[in-house]
Structure formats: structure tokens, C-alpha cells
């Protein structure tokens, strides 16, 4: 008798606990605070803005880009860097050449008040993924998460055309909510 009534109470308690709905969190998405184009032709000059540019000639990366996200709220969770490439309506709209695969690295955080340069790039932490920038016409948008990690108040990433590519290539577009990079958290 005692065993049966205890099981009924335990079952009722578990049913109540399971029936409590979880509070859903709304995702927050932010654009990079800034993109810094590091150019071998101007090795000691930072070039801050919203333009994302990569360049590789004869197997050498001469233009790389690093981007930073500042003011990520304390307590934010599940930070994911995303890329979105919309339909491309003409060849070479954002990329050209045979070397258009980019390596993605996490780097030591940098801020717009102290940006890196080609001669003083940010310190690399970890290689996290690759992405290919299309050179042809596309008929559907491409969106993916490039890296997911815990959040910090400042998060920075570096992009360079993959070093295994012996050819030349370039990528160039203005980052915006319609094309490029964003950071999502609290999902």
C-alpha cells in the first residue's frame, strides 16, 4: 500500500515538472562593428569600414580581412558567426578567380580603437571553418553557421583565402544584413 501511494505521488510530481513550459528566448543578431581590410600594399595602415575584401595573387595572400563584434552583452550565450550570400545574378558579382575558398580563424579580440594592420595582424586562436565564395550565378541564397562558441564581450575573426590554392582569386562586397556576416546569440 505504501509503495503504491508513493509511486502515485512520484508520478504526479514528474508529470507536473514535465508539464511546465520552458520560456523561449529570442535570438539577437548583430552586424560586425567593423571590418578591417589588411593590405600588403599598405602594411602599416588599418582600413576600417564595412567592406569585406580578400585577395590572392600567384599563391600569396596579399589582402585579408578581419572583423570584430563589440558590445556583446554579458551573459549572452551560444554565439554563432553566420554568413549569408543572396542570389547572385551575374558572374563574378562578389568573387573572381580560381582561389575563392577562405579559411576562418578566431583571433584575439580587437576593437575599433586599436585595429590590426597587415604587419601587425591579430593573434590567431583557432582555425574554425572554411567557406567558398561563388564566382558564378546562383539561384538560391546560401546561409550557414561558420563557428559556434561561448560568448565574450568582443569577438573577432580573420578570413584569408586558403593557402592550398595555388591560383589567384579575389572577394569583394559591402557587408550588410542582406549579404555577409552576422553574429547571433541567445537562441
C-alpha atoms as a PDB file:
ATOM      1  CA  UNK A   1       0.000   0.000   0.000  1.00  0.00           C
ATOM      2  CA  UNK A   2       2.723   2.434   0.989  1.00  0.00           C
ATOM      3  CA  UNK A   3       4.730   1.607  -2.146  1.00  0.00           C
ATOM      4  CA  UNK A   4       1.743   2.180  -4.456  1.00  0.00           C
ATOM      5  CA  UNK A   5       0.835   5.564  -2.973  1.00  0.00           C
ATOM      6  CA  UNK A   6       4.499   6.674  -3.114  1.00  0.00           C
ATOM      7  CA  UNK A   7       4.654   5.759  -6.811  1.00  0.00           C
ATOM      8  CA  UNK A   8       1.479   7.739  -7.468  1.00  0.00           C
ATOM      9  CA  UNK A   9       2.947  10.814  -5.748  1.00  0.00           C
ATOM     10  CA  UNK A  10       6.268  10.492  -7.611  1.00  0.00           C
ATOM     11  CA  UNK A  11       4.467  10.050 -10.952  1.00  0.00           C
ATOM     12  CA  UNK A  12       2.265  13.083 -10.260  1.00  0.00           C
ATOM     13  CA  UNK A  13       5.316  15.177  -9.336  1.00  0.00           C
ATOM     14  CA  UNK A  14       7.148  14.168 -12.516  1.00  0.00           C
ATOM     15  CA  UNK A  15       4.099  14.907 -14.662  1.00  0.00           C
ATOM     16  CA  UNK A  16       3.833  18.365 -13.149  1.00  0.00           C
ATOM     17  CA  UNK A  17       7.538  19.069 -13.689  1.00  0.00           C
ATOM     18  CA  UNK A  18       7.381  17.986 -17.322  1.00  0.00           C
ATOM     19  CA  UNK A  19       4.239  19.978 -17.991  1.00  0.00           C
ATOM     20  CA  UNK A  20       5.875  23.305 -17.093  1.00  0.00           C
ATOM     21  CA  UNK A  21       6.619  25.082 -20.391  1.00  0.00           C
ATOM     22  CA  UNK A  22      10.125  26.369 -20.992  1.00  0.00           C
ATOM     23  CA  UNK A  23      10.485  30.057 -21.632  1.00  0.00           C
ATOM     24  CA  UNK A  24      11.655  30.622 -25.207  1.00  0.00           C
ATOM     25  CA  UNK A  25      14.481  33.056 -25.805  1.00  0.00           C
ATOM     26  CA  UNK A  26      14.521  35.354 -28.781  1.00  0.00           C
ATOM     27  CA  UNK A  27      17.687  35.281 -30.883  1.00  0.00           C
ATOM     28  CA  UNK A  28      19.644  38.506 -31.185  1.00  0.00           C
ATOM     29  CA  UNK A  29      21.587  39.135 -34.399  1.00  0.00           C
ATOM     30  CA  UNK A  30      24.182  41.884 -34.783  1.00  0.00           C
ATOM     31  CA  UNK A  31      26.350  43.066 -37.655  1.00  0.00           C
ATOM     32  CA  UNK A  32      30.135  43.435 -37.288  1.00  0.00           C
ATOM     33  CA  UNK A  33      31.161  46.619 -35.528  1.00  0.00           C
ATOM     34  CA  UNK A  34      33.837  46.958 -38.177  1.00  0.00           C
ATOM     35  CA  UNK A  35      35.740  45.083 -40.855  1.00  0.00           C
ATOM     36  CA  UNK A  36      39.447  45.813 -41.175  1.00  0.00           C
ATOM     37  CA  UNK A  37      40.997  45.085 -44.582  1.00  0.00           C
ATOM     38  CA  UNK A  38      44.674  44.236 -44.103  1.00  0.00           C
ATOM     39  CA  UNK A  39      46.524  45.031 -47.322  1.00  0.00           C
ATOM     40  CA  UNK A  40      50.136  44.099 -48.075  1.00  0.00           C
ATOM     41  CA  UNK A  41      50.375  47.213 -50.288  1.00  0.00           C
ATOM     42  CA  UNK A  42      49.721  49.390 -47.175  1.00  0.00           C
ATOM     43  CA  UNK A  43      51.133  47.120 -44.464  1.00  0.00           C
ATOM     44  CA  UNK A  44      51.038  49.592 -41.564  1.00  0.00           C
ATOM     45  CA  UNK A  45      47.608  51.105 -42.245  1.00  0.00           C
ATOM     46  CA  UNK A  46      44.294  49.869 -40.903  1.00  0.00           C
ATOM     47  CA  UNK A  47      41.327  50.172 -43.268  1.00  0.00           C
ATOM     48  CA  UNK A  48      38.140  50.129 -41.179  1.00  0.00           C
ATOM     49  CA  UNK A  49      34.646  50.043 -42.622  1.00  0.00           C
ATOM     50  CA  UNK A  50      32.005  47.636 -43.865  1.00  0.00           C
ATOM     51  CA  UNK A  51      33.850  46.430 -46.984  1.00  0.00           C
ATOM     52  CA  UNK A  52      34.973  42.775 -46.931  1.00  0.00           C
ATOM     53  CA  UNK A  53      37.911  42.099 -49.254  1.00  0.00           C
ATOM     54  CA  UNK A  54      40.240  39.157 -49.848  1.00  0.00           C
ATOM     55  CA  UNK A  55      42.968  38.885 -52.479  1.00  0.00           C
ATOM     56  CA  UNK A  56      45.419  36.201 -53.522  1.00  0.00           C
ATOM     57  CA  UNK A  57      47.920  36.535 -56.381  1.00  0.00           C
ATOM     58  CA  UNK A  58      50.296  33.788 -57.536  1.00  0.00           C
ATOM     59  CA  UNK A  59      49.685  31.725 -54.400  1.00  0.00           C
ATOM     60  CA  UNK A  60      50.237  34.588 -51.935  1.00  0.00           C
ATOM     61  CA  UNK A  61      47.555  36.251 -49.794  1.00  0.00           C
ATOM     62  CA  UNK A  62      48.063  39.986 -50.201  1.00  0.00           C
ATOM     63  CA  UNK A  63      44.685  41.110 -48.815  1.00  0.00           C
ATOM     64  CA  UNK A  64      42.979  39.558 -45.797  1.00  0.00           C
ATOM     65  CA  UNK A  65      40.039  40.761 -43.720  1.00  0.00           C
ATOM     66  CA  UNK A  66      39.370  40.631 -40.035  1.00  0.00           C
ATOM     67  CA  UNK A  67      36.081  41.550 -38.452  1.00  0.00           C
ATOM     68  CA  UNK A  68      35.074  42.309 -34.917  1.00  0.00           C
ATOM     69  CA  UNK A  69      31.839  42.303 -32.946  1.00  0.00           C
ATOM     70  CA  UNK A  70      31.910  44.615 -29.921  1.00  0.00           C
ATOM     71  CA  UNK A  71      29.486  45.189 -27.034  1.00  0.00           C
ATOM     72  CA  UNK A  72      28.160  41.633 -26.848  1.00  0.00           C
ATOM     73  CA  UNK A  73      26.091  41.679 -23.634  1.00  0.00           C
ATOM     74  CA  UNK A  74      27.490  39.974 -20.538  1.00  0.00           C
ATOM     75  CA  UNK A  75      25.572  36.757 -20.009  1.00  0.00           C
ATOM     76  CA  UNK A  76      24.914  36.228 -23.729  1.00  0.00           C
ATOM     77  CA  UNK A  77      25.081  32.561 -24.701  1.00  0.00           C
ATOM     78  CA  UNK A  78      25.658  30.489 -27.815  1.00  0.00           C
ATOM     79  CA  UNK A  79      27.452  32.976 -30.070  1.00  0.00           C
ATOM     80  CA  UNK A  80      27.409  31.891 -33.727  1.00  0.00           C
ATOM     81  CA  UNK A  81      29.101  33.661 -36.626  1.00  0.00           C
ATOM     82  CA  UNK A  82      26.958  33.339 -39.747  1.00  0.00           C
ATOM     83  CA  UNK A  83      27.397  34.029 -43.422  1.00  0.00           C
ATOM     84  CA  UNK A  84      24.617  34.874 -45.859  1.00  0.00           C
ATOM     85  CA  UNK A  85      25.122  35.071 -49.610  1.00  0.00           C
ATOM     86  CA  UNK A  86      21.974  36.001 -51.543  1.00  0.00           C
ATOM     87  CA  UNK A  87      21.119  35.009 -55.109  1.00  0.00           C
ATOM     88  CA  UNK A  88      23.881  36.278 -57.380  1.00  0.00           C
ATOM     89  CA  UNK A  89      22.586  37.459 -60.735  1.00  0.00           C
ATOM     90  CA  UNK A  90      25.830  37.854 -62.683  1.00  0.00           C
ATOM     91  CA  UNK A  91      29.213  36.116 -62.867  1.00  0.00           C
ATOM     92  CA  UNK A  92      31.978  37.452 -60.592  1.00  0.00           C
ATOM     93  CA  UNK A  93      29.478  39.560 -58.645  1.00  0.00           C
ATOM     94  CA  UNK A  94      31.307  39.072 -55.319  1.00  0.00           C
ATOM     95  CA  UNK A  95      34.255  36.812 -56.186  1.00  0.00           C
ATOM     96  CA  UNK A  96      36.503  36.001 -59.127  1.00  0.00           C
ATOM     97  CA  UNK A  97      39.395  33.727 -59.976  1.00  0.00           C
ATOM     98  CA  UNK A  98      40.169  30.129 -59.097  1.00  0.00           C
ATOM     99  CA  UNK A  99      41.088  30.697 -55.437  1.00  0.00           C
ATOM    100  CA  UNK A 100      37.887  31.693 -53.629  1.00  0.00           C
ATOM    101  CA  UNK A 101      37.807  29.298 -50.666  1.00  0.00           C
ATOM    102  CA  UNK A 102      38.510  31.153 -47.421  1.00  0.00           C
ATOM    103  CA  UNK A 103      39.840  29.900 -44.100  1.00  0.00           C
ATOM    104  CA  UNK A 104      38.116  31.273 -40.997  1.00  0.00           C
ATOM    105  CA  UNK A 105      40.059  31.802 -37.768  1.00  0.00           C
ATOM    106  CA  UNK A 106      39.112  33.053 -34.328  1.00  0.00           C
ATOM    107  CA  UNK A 107      41.608  35.700 -33.271  1.00  0.00           C
ATOM    108  CA  UNK A 108      42.441  37.680 -30.167  1.00  0.00           C
ATOM    109  CA  UNK A 109      39.693  40.294 -29.839  1.00  0.00           C
ATOM    110  CA  UNK A 110      40.440  43.702 -31.264  1.00  0.00           C
ATOM    111  CA  UNK A 111      38.441  46.915 -31.102  1.00  0.00           C
ATOM    112  CA  UNK A 112      37.997  49.809 -33.468  1.00  0.00           C
ATOM    113  CA  UNK A 113      40.144  51.938 -31.160  1.00  0.00           C
ATOM    114  CA  UNK A 114      43.091  49.553 -31.696  1.00  0.00           C
ATOM    115  CA  UNK A 115      42.727  47.830 -35.103  1.00  0.00           C
ATOM    116  CA  UNK A 116      45.268  45.431 -36.580  1.00  0.00           C
ATOM    117  CA  UNK A 117      47.333  46.028 -39.738  1.00  0.00           C
ATOM    118  CA  UNK A 118      48.910  43.697 -42.294  1.00  0.00           C
ATOM    119  CA  UNK A 119      52.252  43.940 -40.484  1.00  0.00           C
ATOM    120  CA  UNK A 120      50.556  43.554 -37.072  1.00  0.00           C
ATOM    121  CA  UNK A 121      47.652  41.153 -37.667  1.00  0.00           C
ATOM    122  CA  UNK A 122      45.591  39.880 -34.736  1.00  0.00           C
ATOM    123  CA  UNK A 123      46.936  36.793 -32.959  1.00  0.00           C
ATOM    124  CA  UNK A 124      45.213  33.671 -34.264  1.00  0.00           C
ATOM    125  CA  UNK A 125      43.493  31.432 -31.734  1.00  0.00           C
ATOM    126  CA  UNK A 126      41.945  28.582 -33.715  1.00  0.00           C
ATOM    127  CA  UNK A 127      41.103  27.565 -37.261  1.00  0.00           C
ATOM    128  CA  UNK A 128      37.299  27.041 -37.212  1.00  0.00           C
ATOM    129  CA  UNK A 129      35.987  26.522 -40.756  1.00  0.00           C
ATOM    130  CA  UNK A 130      36.157  27.294 -44.459  1.00  0.00           C
ATOM    131  CA  UNK A 131      33.681  28.879 -46.820  1.00  0.00           C
ATOM    132  CA  UNK A 132      33.639  29.186 -50.595  1.00  0.00           C
ATOM    133  CA  UNK A 133      32.624  32.451 -52.224  1.00  0.00           C
ATOM    134  CA  UNK A 134      30.830  31.710 -55.516  1.00  0.00           C
ATOM    135  CA  UNK A 135      32.075  33.175 -58.779  1.00  0.00           C
ATOM    136  CA  UNK A 136      29.035  32.271 -60.867  1.00  0.00           C
ATOM    137  CA  UNK A 137      25.321  32.995 -60.960  1.00  0.00           C
ATOM    138  CA  UNK A 138      23.388  31.356 -58.102  1.00  0.00           C
ATOM    139  CA  UNK A 139      19.675  30.608 -57.909  1.00  0.00           C
ATOM    140  CA  UNK A 140      19.202  30.313 -54.165  1.00  0.00           C
ATOM    141  CA  UNK A 141      20.658  32.057 -51.137  1.00  0.00           C
ATOM    142  CA  UNK A 142      23.370  30.372 -49.109  1.00  0.00           C
ATOM    143  CA  UNK A 143      23.388  30.717 -45.318  1.00  0.00           C
ATOM    144  CA  UNK A 144      25.356  28.766 -42.742  1.00  0.00           C
ATOM    145  CA  UNK A 145      26.958  28.977 -39.306  1.00  0.00           C
ATOM    146  CA  UNK A 146      30.745  29.227 -39.636  1.00  0.00           C
ATOM    147  CA  UNK A 147      31.503  28.776 -35.934  1.00  0.00           C
ATOM    148  CA  UNK A 148      29.630  28.401 -32.665  1.00  0.00           C
ATOM    149  CA  UNK A 149      31.189  29.075 -29.290  1.00  0.00           C
ATOM    150  CA  UNK A 150      30.709  30.684 -25.913  1.00  0.00           C
ATOM    151  CA  UNK A 151      30.268  34.444 -25.984  1.00  0.00           C
ATOM    152  CA  UNK A 152      32.720  37.163 -24.971  1.00  0.00           C
ATOM    153  CA  UNK A 153      32.137  40.950 -24.865  1.00  0.00           C
ATOM    154  CA  UNK A 154      34.317  41.282 -28.018  1.00  0.00           C
ATOM    155  CA  UNK A 155      34.663  38.522 -30.636  1.00  0.00           C
ATOM    156  CA  UNK A 156      36.949  38.788 -33.665  1.00  0.00           C
ATOM    157  CA  UNK A 157      37.588  36.624 -36.731  1.00  0.00           C
ATOM    158  CA  UNK A 158      40.127  36.579 -39.561  1.00  0.00           C
ATOM    159  CA  UNK A 159      39.475  35.458 -43.156  1.00  0.00           C
ATOM    160  CA  UNK A 160      42.132  34.602 -45.716  1.00  0.00           C
ATOM    161  CA  UNK A 161      41.989  32.697 -48.971  1.00  0.00           C
ATOM    162  CA  UNK A 162      43.006  29.089 -48.281  1.00  0.00           C
ATOM    163  CA  UNK A 163      46.736  28.573 -48.639  1.00  0.00           C
ATOM    164  CA  UNK A 164      46.464  25.261 -50.541  1.00  0.00           C
ATOM    165  CA  UNK A 165      45.087  27.179 -53.547  1.00  0.00           C
ATOM    166  CA  UNK A 166      47.891  27.961 -55.977  1.00  0.00           C
ATOM    167  CA  UNK A 167      45.837  30.214 -58.262  1.00  0.00           C
ATOM    168  CA  UNK A 168      44.680  33.775 -57.853  1.00  0.00           C
ATOM    169  CA  UNK A 169      41.352  34.994 -56.565  1.00  0.00           C
ATOM    170  CA  UNK A 170      39.509  37.873 -55.005  1.00  0.00           C
ATOM    171  CA  UNK A 171      36.392  38.506 -52.942  1.00  0.00           C
ATOM    172  CA  UNK A 172      34.852  41.948 -52.520  1.00  0.00           C
ATOM    173  CA  UNK A 173      31.466  43.130 -51.188  1.00  0.00           C
ATOM    174  CA  UNK A 174      29.962  45.596 -48.723  1.00  0.00           C
ATOM    175  CA  UNK A 175      28.769  43.716 -45.637  1.00  0.00           C
ATOM    176  CA  UNK A 176      25.118  44.348 -44.733  1.00  0.00           C
ATOM    177  CA  UNK A 177      22.133  42.418 -43.350  1.00  0.00           C
ATOM    178  CA  UNK A 178      21.456  41.321 -46.967  1.00  0.00           C
ATOM    179  CA  UNK A 179      24.952  39.909 -47.621  1.00  0.00           C
ATOM    180  CA  UNK A 180      27.875  38.875 -45.480  1.00  0.00           C
ATOM    181  CA  UNK A 181      28.477  38.229 -41.822  1.00  0.00           C
ATOM    182  CA  UNK A 182      26.481  38.488 -38.628  1.00  0.00           C
ATOM    183  CA  UNK A 183      26.693  37.188 -35.069  1.00  0.00           C
ATOM    184  CA  UNK A 184      23.693  35.525 -33.424  1.00  0.00           C
ATOM    185  CA  UNK A 185      23.314  34.767 -29.727  1.00  0.00           C
ATOM    186  CA  UNK A 186      20.752  33.917 -27.035  1.00  0.00           C
ATOM    187  CA  UNK A 187      18.818  31.465 -29.180  1.00  0.00           C
END
